[in-house]
C-alpha cells in the first residue's frame, strides 16, 4: 500500500499540546501502516477516556479536554485515524472505507487492551465510535457524545450535508485551516497552523477527501449494517452513564440531529446545549469536560 508520512517537523511547537506521540505499527491487518495516538495518565487507571476525532481534525482537537480528564487520575488515549494527524496516510482515495477505519480502531483497543472506557466522540469519531461498544460491551462504561450521529440510512441526511459533501468533492485541496478558522471563532494563527500541520500538500489529503463520501446515507453503503445494529444496541442494551454536549451553532449536526440521538440512547439525560459552540464542541473543551464529569458523578451516586 502506498502511503505518506507527514514529516515530524510539521508538528513542532504546537500550542497547548505538550503531549508525547506514541505509535503502533503492528496492528493486525494494518502492518504496513503506523498509527499515532496520545497516551496520557496511568496505564493501570480504572477509567480510560478514548477520544475519537472527526473530519478534518486530529487528536489536537482534544487539547482543552485532556487536562480535565487527567485531573481525575484517568488515562486518556486519543488516536489519529489513518489519513489524519500524525498517522500514516494511504495515497489512494479508495483505501478509505467505513470498515477500514472501524477495524483500525477495534485493533487499537485490542492491542492496548483498553477497558473501563469512556467513549468521547464527535463527528466521524461518533459515526465509527458508536458502532464499537456493541461488539465489545465489557470494555465500555460511559459515553460523552458531541455533535455526531449514526449512519443508519433510515432517514434523509441532515440539512446541509449534501452541500458539504459536494464542496469537498469539488475542492480536493480544500483549506483545512480556513475551515477550522471559520468554524471556531477566535482560533489563533498558531492553532490554525496546527490543524494544517498534517497536510503539507494535496497528496496527503485522501482521507480528508473521502470522509464525506463514505458517510452511510443509503442502504447499500458500507457501515449501514453496523450502524443499525449499533442503534438497536444503544436503545436496548446500553446501561452505562451518558452525557450529551451539543454545539448549538452547528448547521449540520446541531440540536435537531442530537435530539434524535438522545432518543436512541437508552437512559440519555437531557442534552446540555452550549450556545456559543459550533460543530467542534471540543474547542469549548474545559467547561464541556467538567460538565460531563459532574454528570457522571451524579449518575453514579
C-alpha atoms as a PDB file:
ATOM      1  CA  UNK A   1       0.000   0.000   0.000  1.00  0.00           C
ATOM      2  CA  UNK A   2       1.390   3.370  -0.987  1.00  0.00           C
ATOM      3  CA  UNK A   3       1.228   5.867   1.858  1.00  0.00           C
ATOM      4  CA  UNK A   4       2.702   9.155   3.034  1.00  0.00           C
ATOM      5  CA  UNK A   5       4.072  10.044   6.457  1.00  0.00           C
ATOM      6  CA  UNK A   6       3.884  13.691   7.474  1.00  0.00           C
ATOM      7  CA  UNK A   7       7.372  14.962   8.413  1.00  0.00           C
ATOM      8  CA  UNK A   8       7.740  15.298  12.177  1.00  0.00           C
ATOM      9  CA  UNK A   9       8.952  18.893  11.915  1.00  0.00           C
ATOM     10  CA  UNK A  10       5.450  19.888  10.846  1.00  0.00           C
ATOM     11  CA  UNK A  11       4.347  19.197  14.434  1.00  0.00           C
ATOM     12  CA  UNK A  12       6.892  21.309  16.286  1.00  0.00           C
ATOM     13  CA  UNK A  13       5.756  23.959  18.771  1.00  0.00           C
ATOM     14  CA  UNK A  14       2.067  23.080  18.734  1.00  0.00           C
ATOM     15  CA  UNK A  15       0.255  25.467  21.101  1.00  0.00           C
ATOM     16  CA  UNK A  16      -1.160  23.941  24.297  1.00  0.00           C
ATOM     17  CA  UNK A  17      -0.151  20.451  23.175  1.00  0.00           C
ATOM     18  CA  UNK A  18       2.767  19.181  25.278  1.00  0.00           C
ATOM     19  CA  UNK A  19       1.935  15.500  24.761  1.00  0.00           C
ATOM     20  CA  UNK A  20       4.432  12.957  23.509  1.00  0.00           C
ATOM     21  CA  UNK A  21       3.464  10.963  20.400  1.00  0.00           C
ATOM     22  CA  UNK A  22       3.025   7.197  20.547  1.00  0.00           C
ATOM     23  CA  UNK A  23       2.971   4.889  17.552  1.00  0.00           C
ATOM     24  CA  UNK A  24       1.754   1.409  16.689  1.00  0.00           C
ATOM     25  CA  UNK A  25       2.975  -0.360  13.587  1.00  0.00           C
ATOM     26  CA  UNK A  26       1.813  -3.869  14.398  1.00  0.00           C
ATOM     27  CA  UNK A  27      -1.975  -3.563  14.292  1.00  0.00           C
ATOM     28  CA  UNK A  28      -3.371  -6.792  12.816  1.00  0.00           C
ATOM     29  CA  UNK A  29      -4.427  -6.148   9.260  1.00  0.00           C
ATOM     30  CA  UNK A  30      -2.597  -2.792   9.141  1.00  0.00           C
ATOM     31  CA  UNK A  31       1.013  -3.908   9.498  1.00  0.00           C
ATOM     32  CA  UNK A  32       2.195  -1.664   6.670  1.00  0.00           C
ATOM     33  CA  UNK A  33       0.883   1.462   8.390  1.00  0.00           C
ATOM     34  CA  UNK A  34       1.869   3.383  11.502  1.00  0.00           C
ATOM     35  CA  UNK A  35      -0.916   4.749  13.705  1.00  0.00           C
ATOM     36  CA  UNK A  36      -0.334   7.648  16.067  1.00  0.00           C
ATOM     37  CA  UNK A  37      -2.086   8.026  19.405  1.00  0.00           C
ATOM     38  CA  UNK A  38      -1.742  10.065  22.562  1.00  0.00           C
ATOM     39  CA  UNK A  39      -1.482   8.051  25.757  1.00  0.00           C
ATOM     40  CA  UNK A  40      -1.507  10.121  28.942  1.00  0.00           C
ATOM     41  CA  UNK A  41      -2.088   9.209  32.565  1.00  0.00           C
ATOM     42  CA  UNK A  42      -1.549   5.941  34.485  1.00  0.00           C
ATOM     43  CA  UNK A  43      -1.592   2.830  32.339  1.00  0.00           C
ATOM     44  CA  UNK A  44      -3.412   0.979  35.110  1.00  0.00           C
ATOM     45  CA  UNK A  45      -6.112   3.620  35.642  1.00  0.00           C
ATOM     46  CA  UNK A  46      -9.632   2.308  36.191  1.00  0.00           C
ATOM     47  CA  UNK A  47     -11.079   4.865  33.781  1.00  0.00           C
ATOM     48  CA  UNK A  48      -9.839   5.357  30.219  1.00  0.00           C
ATOM     49  CA  UNK A  49     -11.082   8.246  28.104  1.00  0.00           C
ATOM     50  CA  UNK A  50     -10.959   7.157  24.451  1.00  0.00           C
ATOM     51  CA  UNK A  51     -11.183  10.382  22.434  1.00  0.00           C
ATOM     52  CA  UNK A  52     -12.065   9.997  18.757  1.00  0.00           C
ATOM     53  CA  UNK A  53     -11.796  12.965  16.406  1.00  0.00           C
ATOM     54  CA  UNK A  54     -13.580  13.622  13.133  1.00  0.00           C
ATOM     55  CA  UNK A  55     -13.228  15.492   9.840  1.00  0.00           C
ATOM     56  CA  UNK A  56     -10.790  17.163   9.105  1.00  0.00           C
ATOM     57  CA  UNK A  57      -9.227  17.339  12.558  1.00  0.00           C
ATOM     58  CA  UNK A  58      -6.923  15.112  14.592  1.00  0.00           C
ATOM     59  CA  UNK A  59      -6.139  14.423  18.255  1.00  0.00           C
ATOM     60  CA  UNK A  60      -5.061  18.068  18.646  1.00  0.00           C
ATOM     61  CA  UNK A  61      -8.803  18.795  18.822  1.00  0.00           C
ATOM     62  CA  UNK A  62      -8.869  17.362  22.363  1.00  0.00           C
ATOM     63  CA  UNK A  63      -6.095  19.558  23.809  1.00  0.00           C
ATOM     64  CA  UNK A  64      -8.553  21.515  26.007  1.00  0.00           C
ATOM     65  CA  UNK A  65     -10.343  18.457  27.387  1.00  0.00           C
ATOM     66  CA  UNK A  66      -7.388  16.161  28.076  1.00  0.00           C
ATOM     67  CA  UNK A  67      -6.096  18.107  31.130  1.00  0.00           C
ATOM     68  CA  UNK A  68      -9.535  17.957  32.780  1.00  0.00           C
ATOM     69  CA  UNK A  69      -9.764  14.208  32.251  1.00  0.00           C
ATOM     70  CA  UNK A  70      -6.235  13.712  33.596  1.00  0.00           C
ATOM     71  CA  UNK A  71      -7.100  15.607  36.788  1.00  0.00           C
ATOM     72  CA  UNK A  72      -9.331  12.666  37.761  1.00  0.00           C
ATOM     73  CA  UNK A  73      -6.420  10.219  37.663  1.00  0.00           C
ATOM     74  CA  UNK A  74      -7.720   8.646  34.467  1.00  0.00           C
ATOM     75  CA  UNK A  75      -5.849   7.532  31.386  1.00  0.00           C
ATOM     76  CA  UNK A  76      -6.513   9.347  28.114  1.00  0.00           C
ATOM     77  CA  UNK A  77      -5.993   7.691  24.723  1.00  0.00           C
ATOM     78  CA  UNK A  78      -6.567   9.813  21.625  1.00  0.00           C
ATOM     79  CA  UNK A  79      -5.684   8.199  18.276  1.00  0.00           C
ATOM     80  CA  UNK A  80      -5.461   9.794  14.850  1.00  0.00           C
ATOM     81  CA  UNK A  81      -7.454   7.946  12.212  1.00  0.00           C
ATOM     82  CA  UNK A  82      -5.325   6.789   9.287  1.00  0.00           C
ATOM     83  CA  UNK A  83      -5.155   9.711   6.865  1.00  0.00           C
ATOM     84  CA  UNK A  84      -5.143  12.276   9.679  1.00  0.00           C
ATOM     85  CA  UNK A  85      -2.796  13.833  12.193  1.00  0.00           C
ATOM     86  CA  UNK A  86       0.485  12.009  12.739  1.00  0.00           C
ATOM     87  CA  UNK A  87      -0.876   8.685  11.462  1.00  0.00           C
ATOM     88  CA  UNK A  88       0.177   7.375   8.051  1.00  0.00           C
ATOM     89  CA  UNK A  89      -1.861   8.470   5.060  1.00  0.00           C
ATOM     90  CA  UNK A  90      -2.624   5.980   2.275  1.00  0.00           C
ATOM     91  CA  UNK A  91      -2.463   7.812  -1.040  1.00  0.00           C
ATOM     92  CA  UNK A  92      -5.351   6.147  -2.857  1.00  0.00           C
ATOM     93  CA  UNK A  93      -8.775   7.546  -2.001  1.00  0.00           C
ATOM     94  CA  UNK A  94     -10.431   4.144  -2.367  1.00  0.00           C
ATOM     95  CA  UNK A  95      -8.454   2.685   0.554  1.00  0.00           C
ATOM     96  CA  UNK A  96     -10.595   4.705   2.934  1.00  0.00           C
ATOM     97  CA  UNK A  97     -13.836   2.925   3.762  1.00  0.00           C
ATOM     98  CA  UNK A  98     -16.061   2.755   6.817  1.00  0.00           C
ATOM     99  CA  UNK A  99     -14.792  -0.751   7.519  1.00  0.00           C
ATOM    100  CA  UNK A 100     -11.140   0.270   7.102  1.00  0.00           C
ATOM    101  CA  UNK A 101     -11.456   2.951   9.764  1.00  0.00           C
ATOM    102  CA  UNK A 102     -13.617   0.886  12.105  1.00  0.00           C
ATOM    103  CA  UNK A 103     -11.288  -2.129  12.013  1.00  0.00           C
ATOM    104  CA  UNK A 104      -8.305   0.078  12.781  1.00  0.00           C
ATOM    105  CA  UNK A 105      -9.868   1.446  15.988  1.00  0.00           C
ATOM    106  CA  UNK A 106     -11.005  -2.024  17.064  1.00  0.00           C
ATOM    107  CA  UNK A 107      -7.418  -3.193  16.543  1.00  0.00           C
ATOM    108  CA  UNK A 108      -6.092  -0.278  18.606  1.00  0.00           C
ATOM    109  CA  UNK A 109      -8.443  -1.016  21.522  1.00  0.00           C
ATOM    110  CA  UNK A 110      -7.497  -4.683  21.494  1.00  0.00           C
ATOM    111  CA  UNK A 111      -3.773  -4.013  21.067  1.00  0.00           C
ATOM    112  CA  UNK A 112      -3.743  -1.635  24.076  1.00  0.00           C
ATOM    113  CA  UNK A 113      -6.240  -3.874  25.929  1.00  0.00           C
ATOM    114  CA  UNK A 114      -8.338  -0.883  26.954  1.00  0.00           C
ATOM    115  CA  UNK A 115     -11.124  -1.336  29.495  1.00  0.00           C
ATOM    116  CA  UNK A 116     -13.244   0.953  31.653  1.00  0.00           C
ATOM    117  CA  UNK A 117     -13.597   3.105  28.540  1.00  0.00           C
ATOM    118  CA  UNK A 118     -15.435   6.388  28.432  1.00  0.00           C
ATOM    119  CA  UNK A 119     -16.118   6.868  24.733  1.00  0.00           C
ATOM    120  CA  UNK A 120     -15.617  10.533  23.853  1.00  0.00           C
ATOM    121  CA  UNK A 121     -16.779  11.156  20.315  1.00  0.00           C
ATOM    122  CA  UNK A 122     -17.824  13.800  17.806  1.00  0.00           C
ATOM    123  CA  UNK A 123     -18.391  13.836  14.029  1.00  0.00           C
ATOM    124  CA  UNK A 124     -16.716  10.757  12.479  1.00  0.00           C
ATOM    125  CA  UNK A 125     -15.474   9.850  15.935  1.00  0.00           C
ATOM    126  CA  UNK A 126     -19.124   9.061  16.643  1.00  0.00           C
ATOM    127  CA  UNK A 127     -20.022   7.539  13.293  1.00  0.00           C
ATOM    128  CA  UNK A 128     -17.266   4.998  13.911  1.00  0.00           C
ATOM    129  CA  UNK A 129     -17.038   5.038  17.693  1.00  0.00           C
ATOM    130  CA  UNK A 130     -20.708   4.463  18.384  1.00  0.00           C
ATOM    131  CA  UNK A 131     -20.527   1.154  16.482  1.00  0.00           C
ATOM    132  CA  UNK A 132     -17.780  -0.232  18.743  1.00  0.00           C
ATOM    133  CA  UNK A 133     -19.323  -0.973  22.175  1.00  0.00           C
ATOM    134  CA  UNK A 134     -21.929  -3.404  20.826  1.00  0.00           C
ATOM    135  CA  UNK A 135     -19.123  -5.795  19.831  1.00  0.00           C
ATOM    136  CA  UNK A 136     -17.019  -5.306  22.971  1.00  0.00           C
ATOM    137  CA  UNK A 137     -19.514  -4.198  25.642  1.00  0.00           C
ATOM    138  CA  UNK A 138     -17.369  -5.276  28.579  1.00  0.00           C
ATOM    139  CA  UNK A 139     -14.771  -2.664  27.649  1.00  0.00           C
ATOM    140  CA  UNK A 140     -17.085   0.393  27.712  1.00  0.00           C
ATOM    141  CA  UNK A 141     -18.669   2.037  30.753  1.00  0.00           C
ATOM    142  CA  UNK A 142     -19.569   5.655  29.849  1.00  0.00           C
ATOM    143  CA  UNK A 143     -20.357   7.855  26.860  1.00  0.00           C
ATOM    144  CA  UNK A 144     -19.580  11.526  26.215  1.00  0.00           C
ATOM    145  CA  UNK A 145     -21.184  12.306  22.872  1.00  0.00           C
ATOM    146  CA  UNK A 146     -20.988  15.576  20.919  1.00  0.00           C
ATOM    147  CA  UNK A 147     -22.454  16.617  17.535  1.00  0.00           C
ATOM    148  CA  UNK A 148     -22.448  13.327  15.686  1.00  0.00           C
ATOM    149  CA  UNK A 149     -24.803  10.585  14.562  1.00  0.00           C
ATOM    150  CA  UNK A 150     -25.182   7.051  13.282  1.00  0.00           C
ATOM    151  CA  UNK A 151     -25.200   6.201   9.573  1.00  0.00           C
ATOM    152  CA  UNK A 152     -28.309   4.039   9.577  1.00  0.00           C
ATOM    153  CA  UNK A 153     -29.736   5.438   6.305  1.00  0.00           C
ATOM    154  CA  UNK A 154     -33.160   5.250   7.954  1.00  0.00           C
ATOM    155  CA  UNK A 155     -33.785   8.955   7.344  1.00  0.00           C
ATOM    156  CA  UNK A 156     -32.556  11.656   4.996  1.00  0.00           C
ATOM    157  CA  UNK A 157     -29.107  13.107   5.717  1.00  0.00           C
ATOM    158  CA  UNK A 158     -29.134  16.278   7.828  1.00  0.00           C
ATOM    159  CA  UNK A 159     -29.787  19.527   6.009  1.00  0.00           C
ATOM    160  CA  UNK A 160     -26.503  20.955   4.769  1.00  0.00           C
ATOM    161  CA  UNK A 161     -24.724  17.608   4.442  1.00  0.00           C
ATOM    162  CA  UNK A 162     -25.179  17.422   0.664  1.00  0.00           C
ATOM    163  CA  UNK A 163     -23.645  20.870   0.216  1.00  0.00           C
ATOM    164  CA  UNK A 164     -20.691  19.956   2.441  1.00  0.00           C
ATOM    165  CA  UNK A 165     -20.094  16.688   0.611  1.00  0.00           C
ATOM    166  CA  UNK A 166     -20.286  18.454  -2.767  1.00  0.00           C
ATOM    167  CA  UNK A 167     -17.844  21.125  -1.617  1.00  0.00           C
ATOM    168  CA  UNK A 168     -15.227  18.582  -0.535  1.00  0.00           C
ATOM    169  CA  UNK A 169     -15.649  16.559  -3.736  1.00  0.00           C
ATOM    170  CA  UNK A 170     -15.106  19.664  -5.861  1.00  0.00           C
ATOM    171  CA  UNK A 171     -12.196  21.015  -3.797  1.00  0.00           C
ATOM    172  CA  UNK A 172      -9.703  18.163  -3.303  1.00  0.00           C
ATOM    173  CA  UNK A 173      -7.178  20.574  -1.749  1.00  0.00           C
ATOM    174  CA  UNK A 174      -9.680  22.457   0.367  1.00  0.00           C
ATOM    175  CA  UNK A 175      -8.240  24.746   3.015  1.00  0.00           C
ATOM    176  CA  UNK A 176      -8.328  22.780   6.274  1.00  0.00           C
ATOM    177  CA  UNK A 177      -7.041  25.667   8.348  1.00  0.00           C
ATOM    178  CA  UNK A 178      -9.514  28.054   6.770  1.00  0.00           C
ATOM    179  CA  UNK A 179     -12.388  25.685   7.525  1.00  0.00           C
ATOM    180  CA  UNK A 180     -11.353  25.411  11.173  1.00  0.00           C
ATOM    181  CA  UNK A 181     -10.930  29.175  11.413  1.00  0.00           C
ATOM    182  CA  UNK A 182     -14.454  29.759  10.122  1.00  0.00           C
ATOM    183  CA  UNK A 183     -15.924  27.073  12.350  1.00  0.00           C
ATOM    184  CA  UNK A 184     -14.121  28.192  15.520  1.00  0.00           C
ATOM    185  CA  UNK A 185     -14.255  31.971  16.053  1.00  0.00           C
ATOM    186  CA  UNK A 186     -11.147  33.216  17.809  1.00  0.00           C
ATOM    187  CA  UNK A 187      -8.885  30.416  16.608  1.00  0.00           C
ATOM    188  CA  UNK A 188      -5.321  31.742  16.674  1.00  0.00           C
ATOM    189  CA  UNK A 189      -2.907  31.648  13.756  1.00  0.00           C
ATOM    190  CA  UNK A 190      -0.811  29.065  15.613  1.00  0.00           C
ATOM    191  CA  UNK A 191      -3.857  26.876  16.246  1.00  0.00           C
ATOM    192  CA  UNK A 192      -4.868  27.150  12.607  1.00  0.00           C
ATOM    193  CA  UNK A 193      -1.356  26.055  11.638  1.00  0.00           C
ATOM    194  CA  UNK A 194      -1.656  23.062  13.992  1.00  0.00           C
ATOM    195  CA  UNK A 195      -4.772  21.879  12.176  1.00  0.00           C
ATOM    196  CA  UNK A 196      -2.990  22.338   8.837  1.00  0.00           C
ATOM    197  CA  UNK A 197       0.174  20.575  10.007  1.00  0.00           C
ATOM    198  CA  UNK A 198      -0.749  17.013   8.917  1.00  0.00           C
ATOM    199  CA  UNK A 199      -1.255  18.040   5.279  1.00  0.00           C
ATOM    200  CA  UNK A 200       1.818  19.506   3.544  1.00  0.00           C
ATOM    201  CA  UNK A 201       0.144  19.252   0.116  1.00  0.00           C
ATOM    202  CA  UNK A 202      -2.946  17.740  -1.567  1.00  0.00           C
ATOM    203  CA  UNK A 203      -1.374  14.281  -1.834  1.00  0.00           C
ATOM    204  CA  UNK A 204      -1.739  13.924   1.951  1.00  0.00           C
ATOM    205  CA  UNK A 205      -5.485  14.662   1.905  1.00  0.00           C
ATOM    206  CA  UNK A 206      -7.016  11.465   0.547  1.00  0.00           C
ATOM    207  CA  UNK A 207      -8.545  10.661   3.935  1.00  0.00           C
ATOM    208  CA  UNK A 208      -9.943  14.181   4.235  1.00  0.00           C
ATOM    209  CA  UNK A 209     -11.477  13.927   0.774  1.00  0.00           C
ATOM    210  CA  UNK A 210     -13.054  10.564   1.450  1.00  0.00           C
ATOM    211  CA  UNK A 211     -14.817  11.029   4.778  1.00  0.00           C
ATOM    212  CA  UNK A 212     -17.852  12.929   3.401  1.00  0.00           C
ATOM    213  CA  UNK A 213     -18.210  10.461   0.524  1.00  0.00           C
ATOM    214  CA  UNK A 214     -18.351   7.388   2.770  1.00  0.00           C
ATOM    215  CA  UNK A 215     -20.912   8.594   5.322  1.00  0.00           C
ATOM    216  CA  UNK A 216     -23.517   5.782   5.245  1.00  0.00           C
ATOM    217  CA  UNK A 217     -26.523   7.627   3.798  1.00  0.00           C
ATOM    218  CA  UNK A 218     -28.057   4.914   1.601  1.00  0.00           C
ATOM    219  CA  UNK A 219     -28.910   1.299   2.349  1.00  0.00           C
ATOM    220  CA  UNK A 220     -26.280  -0.214   0.080  1.00  0.00           C
ATOM    221  CA  UNK A 221     -23.328   1.585   1.688  1.00  0.00           C
ATOM    222  CA  UNK A 222     -20.586   0.130   3.845  1.00  0.00           C
ATOM    223  CA  UNK A 223     -21.312   0.763   7.519  1.00  0.00           C
ATOM    224  CA  UNK A 224     -25.110   0.802   7.382  1.00  0.00           C
ATOM    225  CA  UNK A 225     -25.480  -2.690   8.840  1.00  0.00           C
ATOM    226  CA  UNK A 226     -23.102  -1.909  11.722  1.00  0.00           C
ATOM    227  CA  UNK A 227     -24.797   1.433  12.355  1.00  0.00           C
ATOM    228  CA  UNK A 228     -28.256  -0.136  12.508  1.00  0.00           C
ATOM    229  CA  UNK A 229     -27.036  -2.817  14.888  1.00  0.00           C
ATOM    230  CA  UNK A 230     -25.475  -0.073  16.976  1.00  0.00           C
ATOM    231  CA  UNK A 231     -28.689   1.966  17.099  1.00  0.00           C
ATOM    232  CA  UNK A 232     -30.574  -1.079  18.304  1.00  0.00           C
ATOM    233  CA  UNK A 233     -27.881  -1.837  20.877  1.00  0.00           C
ATOM    234  CA  UNK A 234     -27.784   1.723  22.256  1.00  0.00           C
ATOM    235  CA  UNK A 235     -31.557   1.793  22.584  1.00  0.00           C
ATOM    236  CA  UNK A 236     -31.956  -1.667  24.076  1.00  0.00           C
ATOM    237  CA  UNK A 237     -28.790  -2.754  25.854  1.00  0.00           C
ATOM    238  CA  UNK A 238     -26.696   0.252  26.889  1.00  0.00           C
ATOM    239  CA  UNK A 239     -26.658   0.651  30.662  1.00  0.00           C
ATOM    240  CA  UNK A 240     -23.712   2.995  31.204  1.00  0.00           C
ATOM    241  CA  UNK A 241     -23.631   6.671  32.116  1.00  0.00           C
ATOM    242  CA  UNK A 242     -24.166   9.170  29.295  1.00  0.00           C
ATOM    243  CA  UNK A 243     -23.510  12.874  28.826  1.00  0.00           C
ATOM    244  CA  UNK A 244     -24.521  14.677  25.643  1.00  0.00           C
ATOM    245  CA  UNK A 245     -22.998  18.078  24.814  1.00  0.00           C
ATOM    246  CA  UNK A 246     -24.438  19.909  21.824  1.00  0.00           C
ATOM    247  CA  UNK A 247     -22.846  22.797  19.964  1.00  0.00           C
ATOM    248  CA  UNK A 248     -25.846  24.953  19.058  1.00  0.00           C
ATOM    249  CA  UNK A 249     -24.124  26.746  16.175  1.00  0.00           C
ATOM    250  CA  UNK A 250     -23.510  23.576  14.144  1.00  0.00           C
ATOM    251  CA  UNK A 251     -25.565  23.901  10.928  1.00  0.00           C
ATOM    252  CA  UNK A 252     -25.463  20.179  10.089  1.00  0.00           C
ATOM    253  CA  UNK A 253     -25.127  18.097  13.274  1.00  0.00           C
ATOM    254  CA  UNK A 254     -26.697  20.551  15.704  1.00  0.00           C
ATOM    255  CA  UNK A 255     -29.621  20.330  18.167  1.00  0.00           C
ATOM    256  CA  UNK A 256     -32.212  18.644  15.879  1.00  0.00           C
ATOM    257  CA  UNK A 257     -29.876  15.768  14.996  1.00  0.00           C
ATOM    258  CA  UNK A 258     -28.685  15.394  18.568  1.00  0.00           C
ATOM    259  CA  UNK A 259     -32.243  15.364  19.870  1.00  0.00           C
ATOM    260  CA  UNK A 260     -32.847  12.293  17.722  1.00  0.00           C
ATOM    261  CA  UNK A 261     -29.628  10.719  19.008  1.00  0.00           C
ATOM    262  CA  UNK A 262     -30.750  11.335  22.590  1.00  0.00           C
ATOM    263  CA  UNK A 263     -33.945   9.426  21.818  1.00  0.00           C
ATOM    264  CA  UNK A 264     -31.882   6.479  20.551  1.00  0.00           C
ATOM    265  CA  UNK A 265     -29.502   6.207  23.523  1.00  0.00           C
ATOM    266  CA  UNK A 266     -31.101   4.357  26.424  1.00  0.00           C
ATOM    267  CA  UNK A 267     -31.144   6.452  29.577  1.00  0.00           C
ATOM    268  CA  UNK A 268     -29.648   9.536  27.916  1.00  0.00           C
ATOM    269  CA  UNK A 269     -30.237  12.575  30.140  1.00  0.00           C
ATOM    270  CA  UNK A 270     -31.407  15.862  28.679  1.00  0.00           C
ATOM    271  CA  UNK A 271     -28.682  17.167  26.333  1.00  0.00           C
ATOM    272  CA  UNK A 272     -26.648  20.127  27.558  1.00  0.00           C
ATOM    273  CA  UNK A 273     -26.647  22.872  24.936  1.00  0.00           C
ATOM    274  CA  UNK A 274     -23.543  25.019  24.566  1.00  0.00           C
ATOM    275  CA  UNK A 275     -24.988  28.048  22.828  1.00  0.00           C
ATOM    276  CA  UNK A 276     -21.709  29.514  21.578  1.00  0.00           C
ATOM    277  CA  UNK A 277     -20.208  26.248  20.415  1.00  0.00           C
ATOM    278  CA  UNK A 278     -20.331  25.053  16.831  1.00  0.00           C
ATOM    279  CA  UNK A 279     -19.522  21.725  15.242  1.00  0.00           C
ATOM    280  CA  UNK A 280     -16.182  21.378  17.028  1.00  0.00           C
ATOM    281  CA  UNK A 281     -17.512  21.304  20.574  1.00  0.00           C
ATOM    282  CA  UNK A 282     -14.091  20.265  21.866  1.00  0.00           C
ATOM    283  CA  UNK A 283     -12.842  23.803  21.252  1.00  0.00           C
ATOM    284  CA  UNK A 284     -15.009  24.771  24.240  1.00  0.00           C
ATOM    285  CA  UNK A 285     -13.282  21.902  25.971  1.00  0.00           C
ATOM    286  CA  UNK A 286     -12.736  22.502  29.689  1.00  0.00           C
ATOM    287  CA  UNK A 287     -16.335  23.501  30.562  1.00  0.00           C
ATOM    288  CA  UNK A 288     -17.666  20.619  28.471  1.00  0.00           C
ATOM    289  CA  UNK A 289     -15.348  18.105  30.119  1.00  0.00           C
ATOM    290  CA  UNK A 290     -16.139  19.362  33.628  1.00  0.00           C
ATOM    291  CA  UNK A 291     -19.885  19.264  32.976  1.00  0.00           C
ATOM    292  CA  UNK A 292     -19.526  15.679  31.778  1.00  0.00           C
ATOM    293  CA  UNK A 293     -17.580  14.627  34.871  1.00  0.00           C
ATOM    294  CA  UNK A 294     -20.179  16.240  37.142  1.00  0.00           C
ATOM    295  CA  UNK A 295     -22.965  14.437  35.271  1.00  0.00           C
ATOM    296  CA  UNK A 296     -21.149  11.097  35.517  1.00  0.00           C
ATOM    297  CA  UNK A 297     -20.710  11.622  39.264  1.00  0.00           C
ATOM    298  CA  UNK A 298     -24.417  12.325  39.701  1.00  0.00           C
ATOM    299  CA  UNK A 299     -25.383   9.256  37.703  1.00  0.00           C
ATOM    300  CA  UNK A 300     -23.046   7.079  39.765  1.00  0.00           C
ATOM    301  CA  UNK A 301     -24.442   8.357  43.074  1.00  0.00           C
END
